[in-house]
Amino acid sequence: MPLVYKIDVLAAIKEKGYNTTVLRKEKLLAEGVIQSLREGKPISWKNIETVCNLLDCQPGDFMEYISDEK
């Protein structure tokens, strides 16, 4: 997978005061998105925007492109 998370996104969000219960209750991130972040799977642009808002960062701060070419 060429796009990978450079940090544990959920841990970083938790440091900002949002646990998974709050994320779901306030409809910030759906359970499926939370599970995708746990598993290192891709998320939509809208959810990337939400993560950037919660962490006050840019996408490149928590994601990076790694080429499959060898």
PDB file of N, CA and C in Angstrom:
ATOM      1  N   MET A   1       0.857  -1.179   0.000  1.00  0.00           N
ATOM      2  CA  MET A   1       0.000   0.000   0.000  1.00  0.00           C
ATOM      3  C   MET A   1       0.896   1.233   0.000  1.00  0.00           C
ATOM      4  N   PRO A   2       0.773   2.066  -1.005  1.00  0.00           N
ATOM      5  CA  PRO A   2       1.676   3.215  -1.125  1.00  0.00           C
ATOM      6  C   PRO A   2       1.474   4.299  -0.064  1.00  0.00           C
ATOM      7  N   LEU A   3       0.245   4.526   0.413  1.00  0.00           N
ATOM      8  CA  LEU A   3       0.029   5.526   1.459  1.00  0.00           C
ATOM      9  C   LEU A   3       0.013   4.833   2.807  1.00  0.00           C
ATOM     10  N   VAL A   4       0.831   5.323   3.719  1.00  0.00           N
ATOM     11  CA  VAL A   4       0.901   4.741   5.061  1.00  0.00           C
ATOM     12  C   VAL A   4       0.810   5.856   6.101  1.00  0.00           C
ATOM     13  N   TYR A   5       0.396   5.486   7.285  1.00  0.00           N
ATOM     14  CA  TYR A   5       0.330   6.436   8.392  1.00  0.00           C
ATOM     15  C   TYR A   5       1.682   6.476   9.085  1.00  0.00           C
ATOM     16  N   LYS A   6       2.198   7.667   9.277  1.00  0.00           N
ATOM     17  CA  LYS A   6       3.495   7.849   9.927  1.00  0.00           C
ATOM     18  C   LYS A   6       3.377   7.777  11.446  1.00  0.00           C
ATOM     19  N   ILE A   7       2.171   7.992  11.965  1.00  0.00           N
ATOM     20  CA  ILE A   7       1.950   7.985  13.411  1.00  0.00           C
ATOM     21  C   ILE A   7       0.727   7.137  13.713  1.00  0.00           C
ATOM     22  N   ASP A   8       0.530   6.835  14.971  1.00  0.00           N
ATOM     23  CA  ASP A   8      -0.702   6.199  15.417  1.00  0.00           C
ATOM     24  C   ASP A   8      -1.746   7.315  15.525  1.00  0.00           C
ATOM     25  N   VAL A   9      -2.582   7.425  14.508  1.00  0.00           N
ATOM     26  CA  VAL A   9      -3.535   8.530  14.407  1.00  0.00           C
ATOM     27  C   VAL A   9      -4.495   8.541  15.585  1.00  0.00           C
ATOM     28  N   LEU A  10      -5.023   7.384  15.953  1.00  0.00           N
ATOM     29  CA  LEU A  10      -5.977   7.338  17.067  1.00  0.00           C
ATOM     30  C   LEU A  10      -5.328   7.748  18.392  1.00  0.00           C
ATOM     31  N   ALA A  11      -4.085   7.372  18.603  1.00  0.00           N
ATOM     32  CA  ALA A  11      -3.379   7.781  19.820  1.00  0.00           C
ATOM     33  C   ALA A  11      -3.179   9.298  19.831  1.00  0.00           C
ATOM     34  N   ALA A  12      -2.853   9.862  18.679  1.00  0.00           N
ATOM     35  CA  ALA A  12      -2.667  11.314  18.591  1.00  0.00           C
ATOM     36  C   ALA A  12      -3.983  12.047  18.856  1.00  0.00           C
ATOM     37  N   ILE A  13      -5.072  11.516  18.317  1.00  0.00           N
ATOM     38  CA  ILE A  13      -6.387  12.119  18.553  1.00  0.00           C
ATOM     39  C   ILE A  13      -6.754  12.018  20.032  1.00  0.00           C
ATOM     40  N   LYS A  14      -6.426  10.888  20.642  1.00  0.00           N
ATOM     41  CA  LYS A  14      -6.714  10.706  22.069  1.00  0.00           C
ATOM     42  C   LYS A  14      -5.947  11.717  22.914  1.00  0.00           C
ATOM     43  N   GLU A  15      -4.701  12.013  22.523  1.00  0.00           N
ATOM     44  CA  GLU A  15      -3.903  13.016  23.236  1.00  0.00           C
ATOM     45  C   GLU A  15      -4.555  14.393  23.178  1.00  0.00           C
ATOM     46  N   LYS A  16      -5.347  14.629  22.132  1.00  0.00           N
ATOM     47  CA  LYS A  16      -6.059  15.906  21.987  1.00  0.00           C
ATOM     48  C   LYS A  16      -7.374  15.910  22.770  1.00  0.00           C
ATOM     49  N   GLY A  17      -7.684  14.791  23.451  1.00  0.00           N
ATOM     50  CA  GLY A  17      -8.867  14.736  24.299  1.00  0.00           C
ATOM     51  C   GLY A  17     -10.078  14.057  23.697  1.00  0.00           C
ATOM     52  N   TYR A  18      -9.907  13.371  22.578  1.00  0.00           N
ATOM     53  CA  TYR A  18     -11.015  12.681  21.924  1.00  0.00           C
ATOM     54  C   TYR A  18     -10.792  11.175  21.957  1.00  0.00           C
ATOM     55  N   ASN A  19     -11.541  10.467  22.801  1.00  0.00           N
ATOM     56  CA  ASN A  19     -11.455   9.013  22.743  1.00  0.00           C
ATOM     57  C   ASN A  19     -12.448   8.507  21.697  1.00  0.00           C
ATOM     58  N   THR A  20     -12.438   7.210  21.421  1.00  0.00           N
ATOM     59  CA  THR A  20     -13.271   6.677  20.349  1.00  0.00           C
ATOM     60  C   THR A  20     -14.764   6.841  20.644  1.00  0.00           C
ATOM     61  N   THR A  21     -15.145   6.792  21.899  1.00  0.00           N
ATOM     62  CA  THR A  21     -16.555   6.995  22.250  1.00  0.00           C
ATOM     63  C   THR A  21     -17.000   8.403  21.876  1.00  0.00           C
ATOM     64  N   VAL A  22     -16.187   9.399  22.195  1.00  0.00           N
ATOM     65  CA  VAL A  22     -16.506  10.788  21.864  1.00  0.00           C
ATOM     66  C   VAL A  22     -16.544  10.965  20.341  1.00  0.00           C
ATOM     67  N   LEU A  23     -15.597  10.349  19.632  1.00  0.00           N
ATOM     68  CA  LEU A  23     -15.564  10.459  18.174  1.00  0.00           C
ATOM     69  C   LEU A  23     -16.858   9.941  17.553  1.00  0.00           C
ATOM     70  N   ARG A  24     -17.345   8.812  18.093  1.00  0.00           N
ATOM     71  CA  ARG A  24     -18.592   8.238  17.568  1.00  0.00           C
ATOM     72  C   ARG A  24     -19.806   9.042  18.006  1.00  0.00           C
ATOM     73  N   LYS A  25     -19.876   9.395  19.295  1.00  0.00           N
ATOM     74  CA  LYS A  25     -21.046  10.119  19.826  1.00  0.00           C
ATOM     75  C   LYS A  25     -21.238  11.464  19.148  1.00  0.00           C
ATOM     76  N   GLU A  26     -20.158  12.193  18.941  1.00  0.00           N
ATOM     77  CA  GLU A  26     -20.232  13.507  18.324  1.00  0.00           C
ATOM     78  C   GLU A  26     -20.214  13.416  16.795  1.00  0.00           C
ATOM     79  N   LYS A  27     -20.236  12.178  16.283  1.00  0.00           N
ATOM     80  CA  LYS A  27     -20.260  11.905  14.838  1.00  0.00           C
ATOM     81  C   LYS A  27     -19.102  12.573  14.106  1.00  0.00           C
ATOM     82  N   LEU A  28     -17.948  12.557  14.750  1.00  0.00           N
ATOM     83  CA  LEU A  28     -16.748  13.095  14.115  1.00  0.00           C
ATOM     84  C   LEU A  28     -16.157  12.061  13.162  1.00  0.00           C
ATOM     85  N   LEU A  29     -16.077  10.813  13.613  1.00  0.00           N
ATOM     86  CA  LEU A  29     -15.606   9.708  12.784  1.00  0.00           C
ATOM     87  C   LEU A  29     -16.499   8.495  13.051  1.00  0.00           C
ATOM     88  N   ALA A  30     -16.892   7.814  12.009  1.00  0.00           N
ATOM     89  CA  ALA A  30     -17.725   6.620  12.136  1.00  0.00           C
ATOM     90  C   ALA A  30     -16.881   5.436  12.616  1.00  0.00           C
ATOM     91  N   GLU A  31     -17.552   4.416  13.117  1.00  0.00           N
ATOM     92  CA  GLU A  31     -16.861   3.223  13.610  1.00  0.00           C
ATOM     93  C   GLU A  31     -15.995   2.596  12.521  1.00  0.00           C
ATOM     94  N   GLY A  32     -16.499   2.556  11.284  1.00  0.00           N
ATOM     95  CA  GLY A  32     -15.721   1.991  10.183  1.00  0.00           C
ATOM     96  C   GLY A  32     -14.434   2.755   9.923  1.00  0.00           C
ATOM     97  N   VAL A  33     -14.477   4.056  10.064  1.00  0.00           N
ATOM     98  CA  VAL A  33     -13.282   4.891   9.876  1.00  0.00           C
ATOM     99  C   VAL A  33     -12.295   4.634  11.011  1.00  0.00           C
ATOM    100  N   ILE A  34     -12.814   4.562  12.222  1.00  0.00           N
ATOM    101  CA  ILE A  34     -11.956   4.272  13.378  1.00  0.00           C
ATOM    102  C   ILE A  34     -11.262   2.929  13.192  1.00  0.00           C
ATOM    103  N   GLN A  35     -12.016   1.928  12.712  1.00  0.00           N
ATOM    104  CA  GLN A  35     -11.441   0.602  12.482  1.00  0.00           C
ATOM    105  C   GLN A  35     -10.398   0.660  11.372  1.00  0.00           C
ATOM    106  N   SER A  36     -10.655   1.417  10.327  1.00  0.00           N
ATOM    107  CA  SER A  36      -9.665   1.560   9.249  1.00  0.00           C
ATOM    108  C   SER A  36      -8.381   2.181   9.767  1.00  0.00           C
ATOM    109  N   LEU A  37      -8.492   3.185  10.634  1.00  0.00           N
ATOM    110  CA  LEU A  37      -7.297   3.798  11.215  1.00  0.00           C
ATOM    111  C   LEU A  37      -6.536   2.803  12.083  1.00  0.00           C
ATOM    112  N   ARG A  38      -7.268   1.983  12.837  1.00  0.00           N
ATOM    113  CA  ARG A  38      -6.618   0.948  13.670  1.00  0.00           C
ATOM    114  C   ARG A  38      -5.808  -0.015  12.813  1.00  0.00           C
ATOM    115  N   GLU A  39      -6.380  -0.363  11.651  1.00  0.00           N
ATOM    116  CA  GLU A  39      -5.768  -1.366  10.775  1.00  0.00           C
ATOM    117  C   GLU A  39      -4.811  -0.771   9.748  1.00  0.00           C
ATOM    118  N   GLY A  40      -4.646   0.555   9.755  1.00  0.00           N
ATOM    119  CA  GLY A  40      -3.746   1.193   8.810  1.00  0.00           C
ATOM    120  C   GLY A  40      -4.287   1.235   7.394  1.00  0.00           C
ATOM    121  N   LYS A  41      -5.600   1.118   7.253  1.00  0.00           N
ATOM    122  CA  LYS A  41      -6.233   1.154   5.930  1.00  0.00           C
ATOM    123  C   LYS A  41      -6.549   2.585   5.534  1.00  0.00           C
ATOM    124  N   PRO A  42      -6.731   2.827   4.231  1.00  0.00           N
ATOM    125  CA  PRO A  42      -7.019   4.190   3.762  1.00  0.00           C
ATOM    126  C   PRO A  42      -8.389   4.688   4.217  1.00  0.00           C
ATOM    127  N   ILE A  43      -8.507   6.003   4.332  1.00  0.00           N
ATOM    128  CA  ILE A  43      -9.772   6.649   4.667  1.00  0.00           C
ATOM    129  C   ILE A  43     -10.069   7.708   3.611  1.00  0.00           C
ATOM    130  N   SER A  44     -11.297   8.184   3.578  1.00  0.00           N
ATOM    131  CA  SER A  44     -11.714   9.143   2.553  1.00  0.00           C
ATOM    132  C   SER A  44     -11.108  10.521   2.799  1.00  0.00           C
ATOM    133  N   TRP A  45     -11.197  11.357   1.764  1.00  0.00           N
ATOM    134  CA  TRP A  45     -10.710  12.736   1.879  1.00  0.00           C
ATOM    135  C   TRP A  45     -11.445  13.481   2.984  1.00  0.00           C
ATOM    136  N   LYS A  46     -12.742  13.263   3.098  1.00  0.00           N
ATOM    137  CA  LYS A  46     -13.535  13.932   4.131  1.00  0.00           C
ATOM    138  C   LYS A  46     -13.022  13.556   5.520  1.00  0.00           C
ATOM    139  N   ASN A  47     -12.701  12.293   5.709  1.00  0.00           N
ATOM    140  CA  ASN A  47     -12.187  11.848   7.008  1.00  0.00           C
ATOM    141  C   ASN A  47     -10.763  12.334   7.250  1.00  0.00           C
ATOM    142  N   ILE A  48      -9.965  12.436   6.189  1.00  0.00           N
ATOM    143  CA  ILE A  48      -8.625  13.018   6.323  1.00  0.00           C
ATOM    144  C   ILE A  48      -8.763  14.468   6.782  1.00  0.00           C
ATOM    145  N   GLU A  49      -9.733  15.178   6.206  1.00  0.00           N
ATOM    146  CA  GLU A  49      -9.996  16.562   6.609  1.00  0.00           C
ATOM    147  C   GLU A  49     -10.375  16.639   8.093  1.00  0.00           C
ATOM    148  N   THR A  50     -11.207  15.717   8.539  1.00  0.00           N
ATOM    149  CA  THR A  50     -11.610  15.688   9.951  1.00  0.00           C
ATOM    150  C   THR A  50     -10.409  15.430  10.857  1.00  0.00           C
ATOM    151  N   VAL A  51      -9.568  14.472  10.480  1.00  0.00           N
ATOM    152  CA  VAL A  51      -8.367  14.171  11.271  1.00  0.00           C
ATOM    153  C   VAL A  51      -7.462  15.398  11.327  1.00  0.00           C
ATOM    154  N   CYS A  52      -7.286  16.075  10.201  1.00  0.00           N
ATOM    155  CA  CYS A  52      -6.456  17.291  10.175  1.00  0.00           C
ATOM    156  C   CYS A  52      -7.030  18.351  11.107  1.00  0.00           C
ATOM    157  N   ASN A  53      -8.331  18.491  11.111  1.00  0.00           N
ATOM    158  CA  ASN A  53      -8.988  19.453  11.984  1.00  0.00           C
ATOM    159  C   ASN A  53      -8.777  19.089  13.455  1.00  0.00           C
ATOM    160  N   LEU A  54      -8.951  17.817  13.797  1.00  0.00           N
ATOM    161  CA  LEU A  54      -8.795  17.376  15.190  1.00  0.00           C
ATOM    162  C   LEU A  54      -7.358  17.527  15.674  1.00  0.00           C
ATOM    163  N   LEU A  55      -6.409  17.248  14.788  1.00  0.00           N
ATOM    164  CA  LEU A  55      -4.990  17.295  15.173  1.00  0.00           C
ATOM    165  C   LEU A  55      -4.334  18.638  14.871  1.00  0.00           C
ATOM    166  N   ASP A  56      -5.066  19.529  14.205  1.00  0.00           N
ATOM    167  CA  ASP A  56      -4.527  20.825  13.789  1.00  0.00           C
ATOM    168  C   ASP A  56      -3.216  20.621  13.032  1.00  0.00           C
ATOM    169  N   CYS A  57      -3.322  19.846  11.934  1.00  0.00           N
ATOM    170  CA  CYS A  57      -2.126  19.506  11.161  1.00  0.00           C
ATOM    171  C   CYS A  57      -2.467  19.412   9.682  1.00  0.00           C
ATOM    172  N   GLN A  58      -1.489  19.071   8.881  1.00  0.00           N
ATOM    173  CA  GLN A  58      -1.635  18.832   7.454  1.00  0.00           C
ATOM    174  C   GLN A  58      -1.590  17.322   7.205  1.00  0.00           C
ATOM    175  N   PRO A  59      -2.171  16.838   6.098  1.00  0.00           N
ATOM    176  CA  PRO A  59      -2.147  15.395   5.827  1.00  0.00           C
ATOM    177  C   PRO A  59      -0.735  14.793   5.848  1.00  0.00           C
ATOM    178  N   GLY A  60       0.235  15.536   5.362  1.00  0.00           N
ATOM    179  CA  GLY A  60       1.616  15.040   5.346  1.00  0.00           C
ATOM    180  C   GLY A  60       2.219  14.874   6.730  1.00  0.00           C
ATOM    181  N   ASP A  61       1.570  15.421   7.744  1.00  0.00           N
ATOM    182  CA  ASP A  61       2.061  15.260   9.113  1.00  0.00           C
ATOM    183  C   ASP A  61       1.774  13.858   9.659  1.00  0.00           C
ATOM    184  N   PHE A  62       0.765  13.176   9.084  1.00  0.00           N
ATOM    185  CA  PHE A  62       0.442  11.843   9.607  1.00  0.00           C
ATOM    186  C   PHE A  62       0.383  10.766   8.520  1.00  0.00           C
ATOM    187  N   MET A  63       0.526  11.161   7.253  1.00  0.00           N
ATOM    188  CA  MET A  63       0.527  10.204   6.156  1.00  0.00           C
ATOM    189  C   MET A  63       1.733  10.446   5.260  1.00  0.00           C
ATOM    190  N   GLU A  64       2.186   9.373   4.590  1.00  0.00           N
ATOM    191  CA  GLU A  64       3.252   9.546   3.607  1.00  0.00           C
ATOM    192  C   GLU A  64       3.093   8.519   2.485  1.00  0.00           C
ATOM    193  N   TYR A  65       3.604   8.885   1.338  1.00  0.00           N
ATOM    194  CA  TYR A  65       3.572   8.014   0.168  1.00  0.00           C
ATOM    195  C   TYR A  65       4.866   7.224   0.104  1.00  0.00           C
ATOM    196  N   ILE A  66       4.729   5.912  -0.038  1.00  0.00           N
ATOM    197  CA  ILE A  66       5.897   5.050  -0.200  1.00  0.00           C
ATOM    198  C   ILE A  66       5.712   4.280  -1.499  1.00  0.00           C
ATOM    199  N   SER A  67       6.617   4.459  -2.417  1.00  0.00           N
ATOM    200  CA  SER A  67       6.514   3.841  -3.733  1.00  0.00           C
ATOM    201  C   SER A  67       6.627   2.328  -3.636  1.00  0.00           C
ATOM    202  N   ASP A  68       5.853   1.632  -4.478  1.00  0.00           N
ATOM    203  CA  ASP A  68       5.940   0.170  -4.556  1.00  0.00           C
ATOM    204  C   ASP A  68       7.098  -0.275  -5.424  1.00  0.00           C
ATOM    205  N   GLU A  69       7.658   0.671  -6.183  1.00  0.00           N
ATOM    206  CA  GLU A  69       8.768   0.315  -7.086  1.00  0.00           C
ATOM    207  C   GLU A  69      10.014  -0.061  -6.280  1.00  0.00           C
ATOM    208  N   LYS A  70      10.744  -1.017  -6.829  1.00  0.00           N
ATOM    209  CA  LYS A  70      11.947  -1.452  -6.112  1.00  0.00           C
ATOM    210  C   LYS A  70      13.181  -1.169  -6.911  1.00  0.00           C
TER     211      LYS A  70
END
